[in-house]
């Protein structure tokens, strides 16, 4: 039986470089900027993800969001 936890889609904007991104967490918590590495960026908005996800499901969704938030397209995997 897997552990299920409610999650939040947190929306961030870096004060240092202006990068915007989203990430899924089990709380409305600070994150580090994926572009410049600025630490402790607080979310300007958090939405209830509307689902309870196991850690395995969360990993797939988080990876999809990270790919979507990149400034340039991911490299081709030929």
PDB file of N, CA and C in Angstrom:
ATOM      1  N   UNK A   1       0.841  -1.178   0.000  1.00  0.00           N
ATOM      2  CA  UNK A   1       0.000   0.000   0.000  1.00  0.00           C
ATOM      3  C   UNK A   1       0.886   1.240   0.000  1.00  0.00           C
ATOM      4  N   UNK A   2       0.676   2.167  -0.953  1.00  0.00           N
ATOM      5  CA  UNK A   2       1.509   3.360  -1.022  1.00  0.00           C
ATOM      6  C   UNK A   2       0.903   4.494  -0.200  1.00  0.00           C
ATOM      7  N   UNK A   3       1.773   5.348   0.282  1.00  0.00           N
ATOM      8  CA  UNK A   3       1.355   6.485   1.092  1.00  0.00           C
ATOM      9  C   UNK A   3       0.854   7.591   0.165  1.00  0.00           C
ATOM     10  N   UNK A   4      -0.341   8.140   0.421  1.00  0.00           N
ATOM     11  CA  UNK A   4      -0.890   9.221  -0.384  1.00  0.00           C
ATOM     12  C   UNK A   4      -0.918  10.506   0.426  1.00  0.00           C
ATOM     13  N   UNK A   5      -0.570  11.605  -0.237  1.00  0.00           N
ATOM     14  CA  UNK A   5      -0.507  12.907   0.402  1.00  0.00           C
ATOM     15  C   UNK A   5      -1.103  13.923  -0.563  1.00  0.00           C
ATOM     16  N   UNK A   6      -1.872  14.885  -0.061  1.00  0.00           N
ATOM     17  CA  UNK A   6      -2.363  15.960  -0.918  1.00  0.00           C
ATOM     18  C   UNK A   6      -1.194  16.843  -1.324  1.00  0.00           C
ATOM     19  N   UNK A   7      -1.272  17.401  -2.526  1.00  0.00           N
ATOM     20  CA  UNK A   7      -0.177  18.208  -3.045  1.00  0.00           C
ATOM     21  C   UNK A   7      -0.665  19.572  -3.517  1.00  0.00           C
ATOM     22  N   UNK A   8       0.281  20.494  -3.633  1.00  0.00           N
ATOM     23  CA  UNK A   8       0.015  21.854  -4.091  1.00  0.00           C
ATOM     24  C   UNK A   8       0.877  22.140  -5.312  1.00  0.00           C
ATOM     25  N   UNK A   9       0.297  22.867  -6.275  1.00  0.00           N
ATOM     26  CA  UNK A   9       1.079  23.390  -7.386  1.00  0.00           C
ATOM     27  C   UNK A   9       1.499  24.787  -6.960  1.00  0.00           C
ATOM     28  N   UNK A  10       2.789  24.949  -6.689  1.00  0.00           N
ATOM     29  CA  UNK A  10       3.325  26.234  -6.236  1.00  0.00           C
ATOM     30  C   UNK A  10       3.895  26.991  -7.426  1.00  0.00           C
ATOM     31  N   UNK A  11       3.578  28.287  -7.501  1.00  0.00           N
ATOM     32  CA  UNK A  11       4.029  29.158  -8.583  1.00  0.00           C
ATOM     33  C   UNK A  11       5.072  30.112  -8.009  1.00  0.00           C
ATOM     34  N   UNK A  12       6.222  30.174  -8.658  1.00  0.00           N
ATOM     35  CA  UNK A  12       7.341  30.959  -8.157  1.00  0.00           C
ATOM     36  C   UNK A  12       7.804  31.967  -9.206  1.00  0.00           C
ATOM     37  N   UNK A  13       8.407  33.077  -8.725  1.00  0.00           N
ATOM     38  CA  UNK A  13       9.096  34.026  -9.584  1.00  0.00           C
ATOM     39  C   UNK A  13      10.337  34.484  -8.842  1.00  0.00           C
ATOM     40  N   UNK A  14      11.488  34.313  -9.464  1.00  0.00           N
ATOM     41  CA  UNK A  14      12.765  34.634  -8.835  1.00  0.00           C
ATOM     42  C   UNK A  14      12.989  36.146  -8.828  1.00  0.00           C
ATOM     43  N   UNK A  15      13.290  36.693  -7.658  1.00  0.00           N
ATOM     44  CA  UNK A  15      13.583  38.123  -7.543  1.00  0.00           C
ATOM     45  C   UNK A  15      14.920  38.479  -8.178  1.00  0.00           C
ATOM     46  N   UNK A  16      15.830  37.501  -8.258  1.00  0.00           N
ATOM     47  CA  UNK A  16      17.169  37.774  -8.785  1.00  0.00           C
ATOM     48  C   UNK A  16      17.183  37.808 -10.316  1.00  0.00           C
ATOM     49  N   UNK A  17      16.627  36.777 -10.971  1.00  0.00           N
ATOM     50  CA  UNK A  17      16.739  36.694 -12.439  1.00  0.00           C
ATOM     51  C   UNK A  17      15.400  36.813 -13.171  1.00  0.00           C
ATOM     52  N   UNK A  18      14.276  36.793 -12.441  1.00  0.00           N
ATOM     53  CA  UNK A  18      12.969  36.948 -13.063  1.00  0.00           C
ATOM     54  C   UNK A  18      12.350  35.665 -13.597  1.00  0.00           C
ATOM     55  N   UNK A  19      13.032  34.540 -13.461  1.00  0.00           N
ATOM     56  CA  UNK A  19      12.517  33.252 -13.951  1.00  0.00           C
ATOM     57  C   UNK A  19      11.229  32.887 -13.223  1.00  0.00           C
ATOM     58  N   UNK A  20      10.244  32.417 -13.969  1.00  0.00           N
ATOM     59  CA  UNK A  20       8.999  31.902 -13.393  1.00  0.00           C
ATOM     60  C   UNK A  20       8.983  30.397 -13.584  1.00  0.00           C
ATOM     61  N   UNK A  21       8.487  29.674 -12.582  1.00  0.00           N
ATOM     62  CA  UNK A  21       8.350  28.220 -12.705  1.00  0.00           C
ATOM     63  C   UNK A  21       7.282  27.731 -11.742  1.00  0.00           C
ATOM     64  N   UNK A  22       6.850  26.504 -11.969  1.00  0.00           N
ATOM     65  CA  UNK A  22       5.920  25.846 -11.063  1.00  0.00           C
ATOM     66  C   UNK A  22       6.573  24.557 -10.582  1.00  0.00           C
ATOM     67  N   UNK A  23       6.154  24.126  -9.418  1.00  0.00           N
ATOM     68  CA  UNK A  23       6.637  22.865  -8.881  1.00  0.00           C
ATOM     69  C   UNK A  23       5.552  22.294  -7.979  1.00  0.00           C
ATOM     70  N   UNK A  24       5.540  21.003  -7.825  1.00  0.00           N
ATOM     71  CA  UNK A  24       4.535  20.338  -7.008  1.00  0.00           C
ATOM     72  C   UNK A  24       5.179  19.869  -5.716  1.00  0.00           C
ATOM     73  N   UNK A  25       4.569  20.270  -4.617  1.00  0.00           N
ATOM     74  CA  UNK A  25       5.061  19.909  -3.288  1.00  0.00           C
ATOM     75  C   UNK A  25       3.880  19.477  -2.428  1.00  0.00           C
ATOM     76  N   UNK A  26       4.185  18.836  -1.328  1.00  0.00           N
ATOM     77  CA  UNK A  26       3.145  18.440  -0.380  1.00  0.00           C
ATOM     78  C   UNK A  26       2.826  19.576   0.594  1.00  0.00           C
ATOM     79  N   UNK A  27       3.440  20.738   0.387  1.00  0.00           N
ATOM     80  CA  UNK A  27       3.192  21.915   1.224  1.00  0.00           C
ATOM     81  C   UNK A  27       3.434  23.160   0.380  1.00  0.00           C
ATOM     82  N   UNK A  28       3.031  24.316   0.913  1.00  0.00           N
ATOM     83  CA  UNK A  28       3.296  25.584   0.242  1.00  0.00           C
ATOM     84  C   UNK A  28       4.650  26.085   0.743  1.00  0.00           C
ATOM     85  N   UNK A  29       5.727  25.559   0.141  1.00  0.00           N
ATOM     86  CA  UNK A  29       7.065  25.819   0.675  1.00  0.00           C
ATOM     87  C   UNK A  29       7.946  26.563  -0.318  1.00  0.00           C
ATOM     88  N   UNK A  30       9.047  27.109   0.201  1.00  0.00           N
ATOM     89  CA  UNK A  30      10.030  27.798  -0.625  1.00  0.00           C
ATOM     90  C   UNK A  30      10.747  26.795  -1.520  1.00  0.00           C
ATOM     91  N   UNK A  31      11.312  27.302  -2.607  1.00  0.00           N
ATOM     92  CA  UNK A  31      12.049  26.474  -3.553  1.00  0.00           C
ATOM     93  C   UNK A  31      13.286  27.249  -3.991  1.00  0.00           C
ATOM     94  N   UNK A  32      14.199  26.590  -4.672  1.00  0.00           N
ATOM     95  CA  UNK A  32      15.383  27.233  -5.220  1.00  0.00           C
ATOM     96  C   UNK A  32      15.184  27.450  -6.712  1.00  0.00           C
ATOM     97  N   UNK A  33      15.647  28.592  -7.218  1.00  0.00           N
ATOM     98  CA  UNK A  33      15.482  28.924  -8.627  1.00  0.00           C
ATOM     99  C   UNK A  33      16.278  27.950  -9.492  1.00  0.00           C
ATOM    100  N   UNK A  34      15.620  27.329 -10.490  1.00  0.00           N
ATOM    101  CA  UNK A  34      16.329  26.388 -11.353  1.00  0.00           C
ATOM    102  C   UNK A  34      17.278  27.076 -12.339  1.00  0.00           C
ATOM    103  N   UNK A  35      17.166  28.404 -12.502  1.00  0.00           N
ATOM    104  CA  UNK A  35      18.039  29.111 -13.442  1.00  0.00           C
ATOM    105  C   UNK A  35      19.296  29.649 -12.777  1.00  0.00           C
ATOM    106  N   UNK A  36      19.131  30.444 -11.721  1.00  0.00           N
ATOM    107  CA  UNK A  36      20.283  31.114 -11.111  1.00  0.00           C
ATOM    108  C   UNK A  36      20.676  30.534  -9.761  1.00  0.00           C
ATOM    109  N   UNK A  37      19.849  29.640  -9.199  1.00  0.00           N
ATOM    110  CA  UNK A  37      20.179  29.005  -7.934  1.00  0.00           C
ATOM    111  C   UNK A  37      19.818  29.805  -6.697  1.00  0.00           C
ATOM    112  N   UNK A  38      19.117  30.928  -6.860  1.00  0.00           N
ATOM    113  CA  UNK A  38      18.697  31.707  -5.688  1.00  0.00           C
ATOM    114  C   UNK A  38      17.903  30.804  -4.754  1.00  0.00           C
ATOM    115  N   UNK A  39      18.203  30.890  -3.469  1.00  0.00           N
ATOM    116  CA  UNK A  39      17.565  30.008  -2.501  1.00  0.00           C
ATOM    117  C   UNK A  39      16.387  30.684  -1.806  1.00  0.00           C
ATOM    118  N   UNK A  40      15.479  29.850  -1.315  1.00  0.00           N
ATOM    119  CA  UNK A  40      14.366  30.282  -0.473  1.00  0.00           C
ATOM    120  C   UNK A  40      13.402  31.242  -1.183  1.00  0.00           C
ATOM    121  N   UNK A  41      13.077  30.935  -2.440  1.00  0.00           N
ATOM    122  CA  UNK A  41      12.086  31.720  -3.181  1.00  0.00           C
ATOM    123  C   UNK A  41      10.708  31.244  -2.739  1.00  0.00           C
ATOM    124  N   UNK A  42       9.908  32.161  -2.226  1.00  0.00           N
ATOM    125  CA  UNK A  42       8.563  31.808  -1.754  1.00  0.00           C
ATOM    126  C   UNK A  42       7.575  31.812  -2.912  1.00  0.00           C
ATOM    127  N   UNK A  43       6.586  30.923  -2.879  1.00  0.00           N
ATOM    128  CA  UNK A  43       5.581  30.926  -3.944  1.00  0.00           C
ATOM    129  C   UNK A  43       4.707  32.177  -3.852  1.00  0.00           C
ATOM    130  N   UNK A  44       4.400  32.763  -5.010  1.00  0.00           N
ATOM    131  CA  UNK A  44       3.471  33.893  -5.019  1.00  0.00           C
ATOM    132  C   UNK A  44       2.035  33.406  -5.104  1.00  0.00           C
ATOM    133  N   UNK A  45       1.859  32.105  -5.445  1.00  0.00           N
ATOM    134  CA  UNK A  45       0.525  31.500  -5.469  1.00  0.00           C
ATOM    135  C   UNK A  45       0.687  29.998  -5.299  1.00  0.00           C
ATOM    136  N   UNK A  46      -0.250  29.390  -4.595  1.00  0.00           N
ATOM    137  CA  UNK A  46      -0.278  27.936  -4.433  1.00  0.00           C
ATOM    138  C   UNK A  46      -1.692  27.455  -4.691  1.00  0.00           C
ATOM    139  N   UNK A  47      -1.820  26.479  -5.572  1.00  0.00           N
ATOM    140  CA  UNK A  47      -3.118  25.906  -5.900  1.00  0.00           C
ATOM    141  C   UNK A  47      -3.174  24.478  -5.389  1.00  0.00           C
ATOM    142  N   UNK A  48      -4.317  24.105  -4.857  1.00  0.00           N
ATOM    143  CA  UNK A  48      -4.520  22.719  -4.466  1.00  0.00           C
ATOM    144  C   UNK A  48      -4.485  21.890  -5.744  1.00  0.00           C
ATOM    145  N   UNK A  49      -3.615  20.901  -5.780  1.00  0.00           N
ATOM    146  CA  UNK A  49      -3.466  20.100  -6.991  1.00  0.00           C
ATOM    147  C   UNK A  49      -4.703  19.257  -7.274  1.00  0.00           C
ATOM    148  N   UNK A  50      -5.555  19.090  -6.294  1.00  0.00           N
ATOM    149  CA  UNK A  50      -6.801  18.378  -6.512  1.00  0.00           C
ATOM    150  C   UNK A  50      -6.646  16.877  -6.606  1.00  0.00           C
ATOM    151  N   UNK A  51      -5.528  16.357  -6.127  1.00  0.00           N
ATOM    152  CA  UNK A  51      -5.334  14.914  -6.159  1.00  0.00           C
ATOM    153  C   UNK A  51      -4.417  14.511  -5.019  1.00  0.00           C
ATOM    154  N   UNK A  52      -4.535  13.281  -4.656  1.00  0.00           N
ATOM    155  CA  UNK A  52      -3.598  12.692  -3.698  1.00  0.00           C
ATOM    156  C   UNK A  52      -2.698  11.788  -4.518  1.00  0.00           C
ATOM    157  N   UNK A  53      -1.411  11.990  -4.412  1.00  0.00           N
ATOM    158  CA  UNK A  53      -0.481  11.238  -5.259  1.00  0.00           C
ATOM    159  C   UNK A  53       0.502  10.460  -4.417  1.00  0.00           C
ATOM    160  N   UNK A  54       0.834   9.316  -4.899  1.00  0.00           N
ATOM    161  CA  UNK A  54       1.915   8.564  -4.267  1.00  0.00           C
ATOM    162  C   UNK A  54       3.225   9.204  -4.699  1.00  0.00           C
ATOM    163  N   UNK A  55       4.311   8.880  -4.033  1.00  0.00           N
ATOM    164  CA  UNK A  55       5.604   9.447  -4.397  1.00  0.00           C
ATOM    165  C   UNK A  55       5.971   9.105  -5.835  1.00  0.00           C
ATOM    166  N   UNK A  56       5.615   7.920  -6.307  1.00  0.00           N
ATOM    167  CA  UNK A  56       5.922   7.508  -7.677  1.00  0.00           C
ATOM    168  C   UNK A  56       5.192   8.402  -8.682  1.00  0.00           C
ATOM    169  N   UNK A  57       3.898   8.647  -8.475  1.00  0.00           N
ATOM    170  CA  UNK A  57       3.134   9.505  -9.367  1.00  0.00           C
ATOM    171  C   UNK A  57       3.653  10.932  -9.318  1.00  0.00           C
ATOM    172  N   UNK A  58       4.009  11.413  -8.138  1.00  0.00           N
ATOM    173  CA  UNK A  58       4.509  12.771  -7.978  1.00  0.00           C
ATOM    174  C   UNK A  58       5.769  12.971  -8.796  1.00  0.00           C
ATOM    175  N   UNK A  59       6.665  11.997  -8.802  1.00  0.00           N
ATOM    176  CA  UNK A  59       7.898  12.105  -9.558  1.00  0.00           C
ATOM    177  C   UNK A  59       7.644  12.296 -11.043  1.00  0.00           C
ATOM    178  N   UNK A  60       6.694  11.566 -11.604  1.00  0.00           N
ATOM    179  CA  UNK A  60       6.380  11.708 -13.032  1.00  0.00           C
ATOM    180  C   UNK A  60       5.824  13.094 -13.324  1.00  0.00           C
ATOM    181  N   UNK A  61       4.926  13.592 -12.473  1.00  0.00           N
ATOM    182  CA  UNK A  61       4.328  14.900 -12.727  1.00  0.00           C
ATOM    183  C   UNK A  61       5.351  16.014 -12.546  1.00  0.00           C
ATOM    184  N   UNK A  62       6.202  15.904 -11.528  1.00  0.00           N
ATOM    185  CA  UNK A  62       7.221  16.921 -11.296  1.00  0.00           C
ATOM    186  C   UNK A  62       8.182  16.975 -12.477  1.00  0.00           C
ATOM    187  N   UNK A  63       8.606  15.822 -12.999  1.00  0.00           N
ATOM    188  CA  UNK A  63       9.503  15.803 -14.149  1.00  0.00           C
ATOM    189  C   UNK A  63       8.847  16.440 -15.369  1.00  0.00           C
ATOM    190  N   UNK A  64       7.563  16.236 -15.558  1.00  0.00           N
ATOM    191  CA  UNK A  64       6.857  16.847 -16.682  1.00  0.00           C
ATOM    192  C   UNK A  64       6.839  18.361 -16.528  1.00  0.00           C
ATOM    193  N   UNK A  65       6.609  18.862 -15.306  1.00  0.00           N
ATOM    194  CA  UNK A  65       6.606  20.298 -15.072  1.00  0.00           C
ATOM    195  C   UNK A  65       7.984  20.893 -15.291  1.00  0.00           C
ATOM    196  N   UNK A  66       9.023  20.210 -14.866  1.00  0.00           N
ATOM    197  CA  UNK A  66      10.373  20.735 -15.046  1.00  0.00           C
ATOM    198  C   UNK A  66      10.701  20.860 -16.527  1.00  0.00           C
ATOM    199  N   UNK A  67      10.315  19.876 -17.337  1.00  0.00           N
ATOM    200  CA  UNK A  67      10.562  19.947 -18.774  1.00  0.00           C
ATOM    201  C   UNK A  67       9.780  21.103 -19.384  1.00  0.00           C
ATOM    202  N   UNK A  68       8.550  21.318 -18.953  1.00  0.00           N
ATOM    203  CA  UNK A  68       7.705  22.385 -19.474  1.00  0.00           C
ATOM    204  C   UNK A  68       8.269  23.756 -19.125  1.00  0.00           C
ATOM    205  N   UNK A  69       8.902  23.891 -17.944  1.00  0.00           N
ATOM    206  CA  UNK A  69       9.375  25.180 -17.467  1.00  0.00           C
ATOM    207  C   UNK A  69      10.732  25.589 -18.024  1.00  0.00           C
ATOM    208  N   UNK A  70      11.411  24.691 -18.715  1.00  0.00           N
ATOM    209  CA  UNK A  70      12.716  25.049 -19.272  1.00  0.00           C
ATOM    210  C   UNK A  70      12.561  26.154 -20.307  1.00  0.00           C
ATOM    211  N   UNK A  71      13.551  27.036 -20.368  1.00  0.00           N
ATOM    212  CA  UNK A  71      13.514  28.118 -21.365  1.00  0.00           C
ATOM    213  C   UNK A  71      13.726  27.582 -22.775  1.00  0.00           C
ATOM    214  N   UNK A  72      14.601  26.603 -22.918  1.00  0.00           N
ATOM    215  CA  UNK A  72      14.846  26.023 -24.229  1.00  0.00           C
ATOM    216  C   UNK A  72      14.295  24.602 -24.245  1.00  0.00           C
ATOM    217  N   UNK A  73      13.951  24.107 -25.427  1.00  0.00           N
ATOM    218  CA  UNK A  73      13.412  22.739 -25.495  1.00  0.00           C
ATOM    219  C   UNK A  73      14.443  21.722 -25.043  1.00  0.00           C
ATOM    220  N   UNK A  74      13.992  20.620 -24.455  1.00  0.00           N
ATOM    221  CA  UNK A  74      14.923  19.584 -24.038  1.00  0.00           C
ATOM    222  C   UNK A  74      15.639  18.984 -25.248  1.00  0.00           C
ATOM    223  N   UNK A  75      16.864  18.504 -25.044  1.00  0.00           N
ATOM    224  CA  UNK A  75      17.604  17.905 -26.164  1.00  0.00           C
ATOM    225  C   UNK A  75      16.878  16.694 -26.717  1.00  0.00           C
ATOM    226  N   UNK A  76      17.050  16.465 -28.003  1.00  0.00           N
ATOM    227  CA  UNK A  76      16.428  15.315 -28.655  1.00  0.00           C
ATOM    228  C   UNK A  76      17.042  14.034 -28.127  1.00  0.00           C
ATOM    229  N   UNK A  77      16.206  13.031 -27.909  1.00  0.00           N
ATOM    230  CA  UNK A  77      16.692  11.758 -27.399  1.00  0.00           C
ATOM    231  C   UNK A  77      16.585  10.722 -28.509  1.00  0.00           C
ATOM    232  N   UNK A  78      17.400  10.910 -29.536  1.00  0.00           N
ATOM    233  CA  UNK A  78      17.363  10.013 -30.704  1.00  0.00           C
ATOM    234  C   UNK A  78      18.061   8.722 -30.420  1.00  0.00           C
TER     235      UNK A  78
END
